[in-house]
């Protein structure tokens, strides 16, 4: 069972992680992964 994660506002590490996750979920990133034969794309960027 996964517990929800509640980030602390103002924590720089959480803000950085959020920006990284946002980039990984973009359409352009998924296209680049597919172009280099990294499939399935959705599982390749899944964060546990």
C-alpha atoms as a PDB file:
ATOM      1  CA  UNK A   1       0.000   0.000   0.000  1.00  0.00           C
ATOM      2  CA  UNK A   2       1.340   3.409  -0.936  1.00  0.00           C
ATOM      3  CA  UNK A   3       0.983   6.274   1.460  1.00  0.00           C
ATOM      4  CA  UNK A   4       0.271   9.717   0.040  1.00  0.00           C
ATOM      5  CA  UNK A   5       3.134  12.186   0.088  1.00  0.00           C
ATOM      6  CA  UNK A   6       2.399  15.709   1.222  1.00  0.00           C
ATOM      7  CA  UNK A   7       5.172  18.132   0.271  1.00  0.00           C
ATOM      8  CA  UNK A   8       6.094  20.965   2.591  1.00  0.00           C
ATOM      9  CA  UNK A   9       5.525  24.338   0.949  1.00  0.00           C
ATOM     10  CA  UNK A  10       8.752  26.249   0.507  1.00  0.00           C
ATOM     11  CA  UNK A  11      10.948  23.133   0.568  1.00  0.00           C
ATOM     12  CA  UNK A  12      13.384  23.561  -2.313  1.00  0.00           C
ATOM     13  CA  UNK A  13      13.874  19.813  -2.783  1.00  0.00           C
ATOM     14  CA  UNK A  14      10.146  19.235  -3.290  1.00  0.00           C
ATOM     15  CA  UNK A  15       9.939  22.120  -5.736  1.00  0.00           C
ATOM     16  CA  UNK A  16      12.852  20.712  -7.752  1.00  0.00           C
ATOM     17  CA  UNK A  17      11.349  17.221  -7.759  1.00  0.00           C
ATOM     18  CA  UNK A  18       8.019  18.645  -8.894  1.00  0.00           C
ATOM     19  CA  UNK A  19       9.683  20.427 -11.828  1.00  0.00           C
ATOM     20  CA  UNK A  20      11.530  17.260 -12.849  1.00  0.00           C
ATOM     21  CA  UNK A  21       8.351  15.161 -12.737  1.00  0.00           C
ATOM     22  CA  UNK A  22       6.488  17.785 -14.764  1.00  0.00           C
ATOM     23  CA  UNK A  23       9.186  17.622 -17.462  1.00  0.00           C
ATOM     24  CA  UNK A  24       9.117  13.815 -17.572  1.00  0.00           C
ATOM     25  CA  UNK A  25       5.376  13.812 -18.125  1.00  0.00           C
ATOM     26  CA  UNK A  26       5.421  16.126 -21.162  1.00  0.00           C
ATOM     27  CA  UNK A  27       4.472  14.890 -24.597  1.00  0.00           C
ATOM     28  CA  UNK A  28       7.882  15.852 -25.992  1.00  0.00           C
ATOM     29  CA  UNK A  29       9.670  13.656 -23.456  1.00  0.00           C
ATOM     30  CA  UNK A  30       7.401  10.719 -24.230  1.00  0.00           C
ATOM     31  CA  UNK A  31       8.083  11.179 -27.954  1.00  0.00           C
ATOM     32  CA  UNK A  32      11.845  11.250 -27.357  1.00  0.00           C
ATOM     33  CA  UNK A  33      11.679   8.070 -25.279  1.00  0.00           C
ATOM     34  CA  UNK A  34       9.662   6.326 -27.992  1.00  0.00           C
ATOM     35  CA  UNK A  35      12.096   7.530 -30.671  1.00  0.00           C
ATOM     36  CA  UNK A  36      14.945   5.772 -28.852  1.00  0.00           C
ATOM     37  CA  UNK A  37      12.875   2.589 -28.499  1.00  0.00           C
ATOM     38  CA  UNK A  38      12.324   2.967 -24.755  1.00  0.00           C
ATOM     39  CA  UNK A  39       8.986   1.246 -24.429  1.00  0.00           C
ATOM     40  CA  UNK A  40       6.472   1.100 -22.921  1.00  0.00           C
ATOM     41  CA  UNK A  41       6.826   4.841 -22.430  1.00  0.00           C
ATOM     42  CA  UNK A  42       4.294   5.140 -19.615  1.00  0.00           C
ATOM     43  CA  UNK A  43       6.110   2.568 -17.491  1.00  0.00           C
ATOM     44  CA  UNK A  44       9.513   4.064 -18.321  1.00  0.00           C
ATOM     45  CA  UNK A  45       8.580   7.369 -16.661  1.00  0.00           C
ATOM     46  CA  UNK A  46       6.439   5.926 -13.891  1.00  0.00           C
ATOM     47  CA  UNK A  47       7.563   7.104 -10.469  1.00  0.00           C
ATOM     48  CA  UNK A  48       6.934   4.611  -7.679  1.00  0.00           C
END
